[in-house]
Amino acid sequence: MGVINVTPDSFSGDGLGSDIKAAVARARSVVAEGADIIDVGGESTRPHYASVSEDEEIRRVVPVIERLSGELSVPISIDTSKSGVARRALEAGATIINDVWGLRRDPKLAEVAAEKGVALVLVANQREMTYEDIVAEVVASLKRGMKLALDAGVAWENIIIDPGIGFGKTLEGNLEVMRRLSELKELGRPILLGTSRKSVIGTVLDLPPDQRLEGTAATVALGIANGADIIRVHDVLPMARVARMADAIVRGFRK
């Protein structure tokens, strides 16, 4: 999953703002580099991010998705926690909803996903929460989101889970979740892992976002070894190579 940030304040420094042409060009490039999914986001989700209105988020993402859906053959995901934005994005051509709040902020996202018959990514987000056992809380959070989704009519096979690395977790908590990622397999759904350039890597290696490639590679390889099925990354070409090699070891080589 290649990241396309149409925001001015992305933590990773790759935000493209309102430049539609740049976003489309970037998407074409990451597909050529090996992305199987494009994830378009119009609101930063970094710590202490500045929230934007629904109308502004729609203004940022819909023109890009409309262009990409007519040009690319890969699925397009909308990274949003607003049901109104998701609906407009799906009408523009997106086929996946990626909710970093796991239905905590807007449960109506599940209704939209069910109505449109699209995939829904549920992220375990511990912001504004306290916990004692981080892995138990991640599992519980995902189970809550899955129940809301299923009760709203989302098909079981359309649910994807994400442990939410970086979302309200301490350094030690993030490392523990990644170390115990295989425990999420009990939930029976594909696991998406988004560690690319995140602060846990920066803290361990004492490096800024644009120098976290090797750290990201380590998390991708070990994530796949522990059960990750999808990786969400900024640096698609090198991470696609890491993923293919790790996948060949874990799941067997396929041409």
C-alpha atoms as a PDB file:
ATOM      1  CA  MET A   1       0.000   0.000   0.000  1.00  0.00           C
ATOM      2  CA  GLY A   2       1.627   3.220  -1.222  1.00  0.00           C
ATOM      3  CA  VAL A   3       0.907   6.438   0.675  1.00  0.00           C
ATOM      4  CA  ILE A   4      -0.351   9.541  -1.139  1.00  0.00           C
ATOM      5  CA  ASN A   5      -0.686  12.436   1.307  1.00  0.00           C
ATOM      6  CA  VAL A   6      -2.629  15.391  -0.090  1.00  0.00           C
ATOM      7  CA  THR A   7      -1.975  17.345   3.083  1.00  0.00           C
ATOM      8  CA  PRO A   8       0.348  20.267   3.867  1.00  0.00           C
ATOM      9  CA  ASP A   9       1.426  18.858   7.258  1.00  0.00           C
ATOM     10  CA  SER A  10       2.367  15.199   6.875  1.00  0.00           C
ATOM     11  CA  PHE A  11       4.793  14.047   9.600  1.00  0.00           C
ATOM     12  CA  SER A  12       6.919  12.302   6.994  1.00  0.00           C
ATOM     13  CA  GLY A  13       7.518  15.429   4.936  1.00  0.00           C
ATOM     14  CA  ASP A  14       5.864  14.045   1.808  1.00  0.00           C
ATOM     15  CA  GLY A  15       2.615  16.015   1.936  1.00  0.00           C
ATOM     16  CA  LEU A  16       1.566  17.290  -1.493  1.00  0.00           C
ATOM     17  CA  GLY A  17      -1.026  19.815  -0.320  1.00  0.00           C
ATOM     18  CA  SER A  18      -3.599  20.672  -2.951  1.00  0.00           C
ATOM     19  CA  ASP A  19      -1.355  19.914  -5.929  1.00  0.00           C
ATOM     20  CA  ILE A  20      -3.522  17.448  -7.850  1.00  0.00           C
ATOM     21  CA  LYS A  21      -1.029  16.994 -10.662  1.00  0.00           C
ATOM     22  CA  ALA A  22       1.759  16.179  -8.205  1.00  0.00           C
ATOM     23  CA  ALA A  23      -0.459  13.689  -6.366  1.00  0.00           C
ATOM     24  CA  VAL A  24      -1.450  11.920  -9.588  1.00  0.00           C
ATOM     25  CA  ALA A  25       2.169  11.812 -10.750  1.00  0.00           C
ATOM     26  CA  ARG A  26       3.237  10.434  -7.372  1.00  0.00           C
ATOM     27  CA  ALA A  27       0.554   7.738  -7.513  1.00  0.00           C
ATOM     28  CA  ARG A  28       1.603   6.669 -10.995  1.00  0.00           C
ATOM     29  CA  SER A  29       5.184   6.469  -9.769  1.00  0.00           C
ATOM     30  CA  VAL A  30       4.470   4.325  -6.717  1.00  0.00           C
ATOM     31  CA  VAL A  31       2.363   1.901  -8.770  1.00  0.00           C
ATOM     32  CA  ALA A  32       5.275   1.567 -11.199  1.00  0.00           C
ATOM     33  CA  GLU A  33       7.504   0.907  -8.168  1.00  0.00           C
ATOM     34  CA  GLY A  34       5.337  -1.984  -7.023  1.00  0.00           C
ATOM     35  CA  ALA A  35       2.380  -0.664  -5.011  1.00  0.00           C
ATOM     36  CA  ASP A  36      -0.685  -2.933  -5.147  1.00  0.00           C
ATOM     37  CA  ILE A  37      -2.939  -0.388  -3.390  1.00  0.00           C
ATOM     38  CA  ILE A  38      -2.909   3.423  -3.262  1.00  0.00           C
ATOM     39  CA  ASP A  39      -3.922   5.063   0.038  1.00  0.00           C
ATOM     40  CA  VAL A  40      -5.055   8.682  -0.363  1.00  0.00           C
ATOM     41  CA  GLY A  41      -5.366  10.875   2.719  1.00  0.00           C
ATOM     42  CA  GLY A  42      -6.483  14.486   3.078  1.00  0.00           C
ATOM     43  CA  GLU A  43      -6.004  15.007   6.823  1.00  0.00           C
ATOM     44  CA  SER A  44      -2.804  14.410   8.744  1.00  0.00           C
ATOM     45  CA  THR A  45      -3.006  11.798  11.491  1.00  0.00           C
ATOM     46  CA  ARG A  46       0.307  12.677  13.137  1.00  0.00           C
ATOM     47  CA  PRO A  47       0.335  13.482  16.881  1.00  0.00           C
ATOM     48  CA  HIS A  48      -1.150  16.925  17.591  1.00  0.00           C
ATOM     49  CA  TYR A  49      -2.418  17.195  14.020  1.00  0.00           C
ATOM     50  CA  ALA A  50      -4.665  20.066  12.976  1.00  0.00           C
ATOM     51  CA  SER A  51      -8.131  18.768  12.174  1.00  0.00           C
ATOM     52  CA  VAL A  52      -9.729  19.927   8.916  1.00  0.00           C
ATOM     53  CA  SER A  53     -13.390  20.256   8.015  1.00  0.00           C
ATOM     54  CA  GLU A  54     -15.244  17.587   6.064  1.00  0.00           C
ATOM     55  CA  ASP A  55     -15.624  19.971   3.124  1.00  0.00           C
ATOM     56  CA  GLU A  56     -11.895  20.736   3.070  1.00  0.00           C
ATOM     57  CA  GLU A  57     -10.962  17.073   3.251  1.00  0.00           C
ATOM     58  CA  ILE A  58     -13.334  16.297   0.370  1.00  0.00           C
ATOM     59  CA  ARG A  59     -11.848  19.155  -1.638  1.00  0.00           C
ATOM     60  CA  ARG A  60      -8.390  17.678  -1.181  1.00  0.00           C
ATOM     61  CA  VAL A  61      -9.038  14.006  -1.911  1.00  0.00           C
ATOM     62  CA  VAL A  62     -11.944  13.696  -4.345  1.00  0.00           C
ATOM     63  CA  PRO A  63     -10.287  15.308  -7.414  1.00  0.00           C
ATOM     64  CA  VAL A  64      -7.219  13.111  -6.913  1.00  0.00           C
ATOM     65  CA  ILE A  65      -9.263   9.919  -6.532  1.00  0.00           C
ATOM     66  CA  GLU A  66     -11.380  10.778  -9.577  1.00  0.00           C
ATOM     67  CA  ARG A  67      -8.233  11.141 -11.676  1.00  0.00           C
ATOM     68  CA  LEU A  68      -6.562   8.026 -10.297  1.00  0.00           C
ATOM     69  CA  SER A  69      -9.612   5.788 -10.613  1.00  0.00           C
ATOM     70  CA  GLY A  70      -9.715   6.560 -14.316  1.00  0.00           C
ATOM     71  CA  GLU A  71      -6.013   5.935 -14.878  1.00  0.00           C
ATOM     72  CA  LEU A  72      -4.868   3.182 -12.505  1.00  0.00           C
ATOM     73  CA  SER A  73      -5.849  -0.472 -12.299  1.00  0.00           C
ATOM     74  CA  VAL A  74      -4.959  -0.906  -8.606  1.00  0.00           C
ATOM     75  CA  PRO A  75      -7.477  -0.400  -5.785  1.00  0.00           C
ATOM     76  CA  ILE A  76      -7.646   3.035  -4.167  1.00  0.00           C
ATOM     77  CA  SER A  77      -8.090   3.424  -0.425  1.00  0.00           C
ATOM     78  CA  ILE A  78      -9.432   6.557   1.268  1.00  0.00           C
ATOM     79  CA  ASP A  79      -7.660   7.307   4.552  1.00  0.00           C
ATOM     80  CA  THR A  80     -10.380   9.078   6.543  1.00  0.00           C
ATOM     81  CA  SER A  81     -12.370   8.924   9.763  1.00  0.00           C
ATOM     82  CA  LYS A  82     -15.351  10.852   8.407  1.00  0.00           C
ATOM     83  CA  SER A  83     -18.278   8.983   6.842  1.00  0.00           C
ATOM     84  CA  GLY A  84     -19.152  11.942   4.598  1.00  0.00           C
ATOM     85  CA  VAL A  85     -15.642  12.017   3.162  1.00  0.00           C
ATOM     86  CA  ALA A  86     -15.643   8.243   2.705  1.00  0.00           C
ATOM     87  CA  ARG A  87     -18.929   8.312   0.822  1.00  0.00           C
ATOM     88  CA  ARG A  88     -17.721  11.000  -1.585  1.00  0.00           C
ATOM     89  CA  ALA A  89     -14.394   9.187  -2.065  1.00  0.00           C
ATOM     90  CA  LEU A  90     -16.144   5.911  -2.880  1.00  0.00           C
ATOM     91  CA  GLU A  91     -18.381   7.705  -5.371  1.00  0.00           C
ATOM     92  CA  ALA A  92     -15.182   9.068  -6.951  1.00  0.00           C
ATOM     93  CA  GLY A  93     -13.727   5.573  -7.362  1.00  0.00           C
ATOM     94  CA  ALA A  94     -12.165   4.437  -4.070  1.00  0.00           C
ATOM     95  CA  THR A  95     -12.888   0.844  -3.008  1.00  0.00           C
ATOM     96  CA  ILE A  96     -11.361   0.689   0.505  1.00  0.00           C
ATOM     97  CA  ILE A  97     -11.956   2.776   3.643  1.00  0.00           C
ATOM     98  CA  ASN A  98      -8.970   3.097   5.977  1.00  0.00           C
ATOM     99  CA  ASP A  99     -10.153   4.396   9.380  1.00  0.00           C
ATOM    100  CA  VAL A 100      -7.329   5.207  11.788  1.00  0.00           C
ATOM    101  CA  TRP A 101      -9.840   5.557  14.635  1.00  0.00           C
ATOM    102  CA  GLY A 102     -11.298   2.066  14.176  1.00  0.00           C
ATOM    103  CA  LEU A 103     -14.898   3.404  14.165  1.00  0.00           C
ATOM    104  CA  ARG A 104     -14.406   5.221  17.480  1.00  0.00           C
ATOM    105  CA  ARG A 105     -14.861   8.681  15.959  1.00  0.00           C
ATOM    106  CA  ASP A 106     -17.558   7.956  13.359  1.00  0.00           C
ATOM    107  CA  PRO A 107     -19.301   4.568  13.544  1.00  0.00           C
ATOM    108  CA  LYS A 108     -21.317   5.530  10.446  1.00  0.00           C
ATOM    109  CA  LEU A 109     -18.221   4.640   8.421  1.00  0.00           C
ATOM    110  CA  ALA A 110     -19.259   1.021   8.881  1.00  0.00           C
ATOM    111  CA  GLU A 111     -22.680   1.757   7.405  1.00  0.00           C
ATOM    112  CA  VAL A 112     -21.061   3.354   4.359  1.00  0.00           C
ATOM    113  CA  ALA A 113     -18.718   0.391   3.910  1.00  0.00           C
ATOM    114  CA  ALA A 114     -21.633  -2.038   4.210  1.00  0.00           C
ATOM    115  CA  GLU A 115     -23.828  -0.088   1.804  1.00  0.00           C
ATOM    116  CA  LYS A 116     -21.095   0.121  -0.820  1.00  0.00           C
ATOM    117  CA  GLY A 117     -19.759  -3.394  -0.229  1.00  0.00           C
ATOM    118  CA  VAL A 118     -16.156  -2.224   0.167  1.00  0.00           C
ATOM    119  CA  ALA A 119     -13.243  -3.251   2.376  1.00  0.00           C
ATOM    120  CA  LEU A 120     -12.817  -1.522   5.742  1.00  0.00           C
ATOM    121  CA  VAL A 121      -9.497  -1.183   7.569  1.00  0.00           C
ATOM    122  CA  LEU A 122      -9.913  -0.961  11.345  1.00  0.00           C
ATOM    123  CA  VAL A 123      -6.973   0.568  13.206  1.00  0.00           C
ATOM    124  CA  ALA A 124      -6.349   0.020  16.928  1.00  0.00           C
ATOM    125  CA  ASN A 125      -5.936   3.613  18.092  1.00  0.00           C
ATOM    126  CA  GLN A 126      -5.077   4.147  21.768  1.00  0.00           C
ATOM    127  CA  ARG A 127      -5.062   7.953  21.690  1.00  0.00           C
ATOM    128  CA  GLU A 128      -7.147   9.459  24.502  1.00  0.00           C
ATOM    129  CA  MET A 129      -7.100   6.074  26.282  1.00  0.00           C
ATOM    130  CA  THR A 130      -5.207   4.414  29.123  1.00  0.00           C
ATOM    131  CA  TYR A 131      -4.200   0.759  29.188  1.00  0.00           C
ATOM    132  CA  GLU A 132      -2.155  -1.736  31.175  1.00  0.00           C
ATOM    133  CA  ASP A 133      -1.499  -4.568  28.718  1.00  0.00           C
ATOM    134  CA  ILE A 134      -0.988  -3.022  25.286  1.00  0.00           C
ATOM    135  CA  VAL A 135      -1.437  -6.203  23.239  1.00  0.00           C
ATOM    136  CA  ALA A 136      -4.598  -7.155  25.133  1.00  0.00           C
ATOM    137  CA  GLU A 137      -5.930  -3.636  24.568  1.00  0.00           C
ATOM    138  CA  VAL A 138      -5.092  -3.738  20.839  1.00  0.00           C
ATOM    139  CA  VAL A 139      -6.924  -7.053  20.488  1.00  0.00           C
ATOM    140  CA  ALA A 140      -9.900  -5.748  22.483  1.00  0.00           C
ATOM    141  CA  SER A 141      -9.980  -2.534  20.434  1.00  0.00           C
ATOM    142  CA  LEU A 142      -9.989  -4.459  17.175  1.00  0.00           C
ATOM    143  CA  LYS A 143     -12.699  -6.816  18.421  1.00  0.00           C
ATOM    144  CA  ARG A 144     -14.875  -3.812  19.324  1.00  0.00           C
ATOM    145  CA  GLY A 145     -14.390  -2.330  15.868  1.00  0.00           C
ATOM    146  CA  MET A 146     -15.071  -5.649  14.180  1.00  0.00           C
ATOM    147  CA  LYS A 147     -18.327  -6.098  16.103  1.00  0.00           C
ATOM    148  CA  LEU A 148     -19.488  -2.599  15.133  1.00  0.00           C
ATOM    149  CA  ALA A 149     -18.610  -3.309  11.515  1.00  0.00           C
ATOM    150  CA  LEU A 150     -20.347  -6.675  11.414  1.00  0.00           C
ATOM    151  CA  ASP A 151     -23.426  -5.327  13.195  1.00  0.00           C
ATOM    152  CA  ALA A 152     -23.625  -2.589  10.544  1.00  0.00           C
ATOM    153  CA  GLY A 153     -23.579  -5.185   7.783  1.00  0.00           C
ATOM    154  CA  VAL A 154     -19.936  -5.147   6.679  1.00  0.00           C
ATOM    155  CA  ALA A 155     -19.046  -8.542   5.244  1.00  0.00           C
ATOM    156  CA  TRP A 156     -16.543 -10.574   7.301  1.00  0.00           C
ATOM    157  CA  GLU A 157     -14.266 -10.936   4.288  1.00  0.00           C
ATOM    158  CA  ASN A 158     -14.184  -7.143   3.853  1.00  0.00           C
ATOM    159  CA  ILE A 159     -12.606  -6.450   7.250  1.00  0.00           C
ATOM    160  CA  ILE A 160      -8.865  -5.754   7.559  1.00  0.00           C
ATOM    161  CA  ILE A 161      -7.160  -5.113  10.911  1.00  0.00           C
ATOM    162  CA  ASP A 162      -4.245  -2.809  11.746  1.00  0.00           C
ATOM    163  CA  PRO A 163      -2.526  -2.757  15.191  1.00  0.00           C
ATOM    164  CA  GLY A 164      -2.050   1.015  14.902  1.00  0.00           C
ATOM    165  CA  ILE A 165       1.675   1.452  15.400  1.00  0.00           C
ATOM    166  CA  GLY A 166       2.251   4.983  16.672  1.00  0.00           C
ATOM    167  CA  PHE A 167      -1.357   5.707  17.586  1.00  0.00           C
ATOM    168  CA  GLY A 168      -1.390   6.438  21.326  1.00  0.00           C
ATOM    169  CA  LYS A 169       1.233   3.863  22.228  1.00  0.00           C
ATOM    170  CA  THR A 170       4.512   4.342  24.063  1.00  0.00           C
ATOM    171  CA  LEU A 171       7.849   3.422  22.504  1.00  0.00           C
ATOM    172  CA  GLU A 172       7.875   0.213  24.508  1.00  0.00           C
ATOM    173  CA  GLY A 173       4.249  -0.448  23.606  1.00  0.00           C
ATOM    174  CA  ASN A 174       4.906  -0.072  19.885  1.00  0.00           C
ATOM    175  CA  LEU A 175       7.863  -2.445  20.068  1.00  0.00           C
ATOM    176  CA  GLU A 176       5.858  -4.987  22.054  1.00  0.00           C
ATOM    177  CA  VAL A 177       2.967  -4.920  19.593  1.00  0.00           C
ATOM    178  CA  MET A 178       5.350  -5.531  16.699  1.00  0.00           C
ATOM    179  CA  ARG A 179       7.142  -8.285  18.634  1.00  0.00           C
ATOM    180  CA  ARG A 180       3.802 -10.003  19.393  1.00  0.00           C
ATOM    181  CA  LEU A 181       2.071  -9.195  16.106  1.00  0.00           C
ATOM    182  CA  SER A 182       1.368 -12.879  15.435  1.00  0.00           C
ATOM    183  CA  GLU A 183      -1.130 -12.854  18.308  1.00  0.00           C
ATOM    184  CA  LEU A 184      -3.494 -10.834  16.108  1.00  0.00           C
ATOM    185  CA  LYS A 185      -3.894 -13.875  13.857  1.00  0.00           C
ATOM    186  CA  GLU A 186      -6.468 -15.167  16.344  1.00  0.00           C
ATOM    187  CA  LEU A 187      -8.853 -12.539  14.951  1.00  0.00           C
ATOM    188  CA  GLY A 188      -8.857 -14.314  11.602  1.00  0.00           C
ATOM    189  CA  ARG A 189      -8.527 -11.262   9.384  1.00  0.00           C
ATOM    190  CA  PRO A 190      -5.699  -9.919   7.160  1.00  0.00           C
ATOM    191  CA  ILE A 191      -3.248  -7.737   9.063  1.00  0.00           C
ATOM    192  CA  LEU A 192      -2.143  -4.370   7.706  1.00  0.00           C
ATOM    193  CA  LEU A 193       1.043  -2.913   9.214  1.00  0.00           C
ATOM    194  CA  GLY A 194       1.894   0.779   8.954  1.00  0.00           C
ATOM    195  CA  THR A 195       5.316   1.508  10.456  1.00  0.00           C
ATOM    196  CA  SER A 196       6.829   3.548   7.626  1.00  0.00           C
ATOM    197  CA  ARG A 197       9.076   6.375   8.883  1.00  0.00           C
ATOM    198  CA  LYS A 198       7.254   6.466  12.225  1.00  0.00           C
ATOM    199  CA  SER A 199       8.583   7.974  15.449  1.00  0.00           C
ATOM    200  CA  VAL A 200       9.270   4.585  17.035  1.00  0.00           C
ATOM    201  CA  ILE A 201      11.966   4.149  14.378  1.00  0.00           C
ATOM    202  CA  GLY A 202      13.195   7.707  14.807  1.00  0.00           C
ATOM    203  CA  THR A 203      13.489   7.291  18.563  1.00  0.00           C
ATOM    204  CA  VAL A 204      15.345   3.984  18.417  1.00  0.00           C
ATOM    205  CA  LEU A 205      17.748   5.146  15.701  1.00  0.00           C
ATOM    206  CA  ASP A 206      17.775   8.870  16.572  1.00  0.00           C
ATOM    207  CA  LEU A 207      16.996   9.830  12.982  1.00  0.00           C
ATOM    208  CA  PRO A 208      14.602  12.260  11.222  1.00  0.00           C
ATOM    209  CA  PRO A 209      11.760  10.897   9.042  1.00  0.00           C
ATOM    210  CA  ASP A 210      13.668  11.098   5.760  1.00  0.00           C
ATOM    211  CA  GLN A 211      16.459   8.883   7.145  1.00  0.00           C
ATOM    212  CA  ARG A 212      14.357   6.021   8.498  1.00  0.00           C
ATOM    213  CA  LEU A 213      14.478   3.726   5.465  1.00  0.00           C
ATOM    214  CA  GLU A 214      16.569   0.946   7.032  1.00  0.00           C
ATOM    215  CA  GLY A 215      14.530   1.060  10.228  1.00  0.00           C
ATOM    216  CA  THR A 216      11.346   0.796   8.213  1.00  0.00           C
ATOM    217  CA  ALA A 217      12.818  -2.159   6.320  1.00  0.00           C
ATOM    218  CA  ALA A 218      13.483  -3.971   9.598  1.00  0.00           C
ATOM    219  CA  THR A 219       9.888  -3.478  10.739  1.00  0.00           C
ATOM    220  CA  VAL A 220       8.515  -4.595   7.369  1.00  0.00           C
ATOM    221  CA  ALA A 221      10.573  -7.790   7.251  1.00  0.00           C
ATOM    222  CA  LEU A 222       9.870  -8.743  10.867  1.00  0.00           C
ATOM    223  CA  GLY A 223       6.231  -7.717  10.471  1.00  0.00           C
ATOM    224  CA  ILE A 224       5.777 -10.098   7.564  1.00  0.00           C
ATOM    225  CA  ALA A 225       7.560 -12.839   9.528  1.00  0.00           C
ATOM    226  CA  ASN A 226       5.008 -12.283  12.306  1.00  0.00           C
ATOM    227  CA  GLY A 227       1.963 -12.378  10.051  1.00  0.00           C
ATOM    228  CA  ALA A 228       1.509  -9.016   8.312  1.00  0.00           C
ATOM    229  CA  ASP A 229      -0.307  -9.360   4.982  1.00  0.00           C
ATOM    230  CA  ILE A 230      -0.261  -5.719   3.811  1.00  0.00           C
ATOM    231  CA  ILE A 231       2.365  -3.074   4.461  1.00  0.00           C
ATOM    232  CA  ARG A 232       1.615   0.651   4.213  1.00  0.00           C
ATOM    233  CA  VAL A 233       4.752   2.542   3.158  1.00  0.00           C
ATOM    234  CA  HIS A 234       6.085   5.794   1.757  1.00  0.00           C
ATOM    235  CA  ASP A 235       9.206   4.331   0.087  1.00  0.00           C
ATOM    236  CA  VAL A 236       7.510   1.818  -2.190  1.00  0.00           C
ATOM    237  CA  LEU A 237      10.345   0.558  -4.408  1.00  0.00           C
ATOM    238  CA  PRO A 238      12.776  -0.560  -1.672  1.00  0.00           C
ATOM    239  CA  MET A 239      10.007  -1.751   0.654  1.00  0.00           C
ATOM    240  CA  ALA A 240       8.366  -3.792  -2.125  1.00  0.00           C
ATOM    241  CA  ARG A 241      11.697  -5.571  -2.545  1.00  0.00           C
ATOM    242  CA  VAL A 242      11.997  -6.165   1.199  1.00  0.00           C
ATOM    243  CA  ALA A 243       8.418  -7.461   1.286  1.00  0.00           C
ATOM    244  CA  ARG A 244       8.903  -9.833  -1.645  1.00  0.00           C
ATOM    245  CA  MET A 245      12.050 -11.305  -0.112  1.00  0.00           C
ATOM    246  CA  ALA A 246      10.512 -11.655   3.343  1.00  0.00           C
ATOM    247  CA  ASP A 247       7.339 -13.118   1.849  1.00  0.00           C
ATOM    248  CA  ALA A 248       9.331 -15.686  -0.151  1.00  0.00           C
ATOM    249  CA  ILE A 249      10.949 -16.900   3.071  1.00  0.00           C
ATOM    250  CA  VAL A 250       7.746 -16.935   5.135  1.00  0.00           C
ATOM    251  CA  ARG A 251       5.158 -18.075   2.583  1.00  0.00           C
ATOM    252  CA  GLY A 252       7.267 -19.617  -0.160  1.00  0.00           C
ATOM    253  CA  PHE A 253       8.614 -18.292  -3.428  1.00  0.00           C
ATOM    254  CA  ARG A 254       6.168 -17.473  -6.237  1.00  0.00           C
ATOM    255  CA  LYS A 255       7.172 -15.982  -9.573  1.00  0.00           C
END
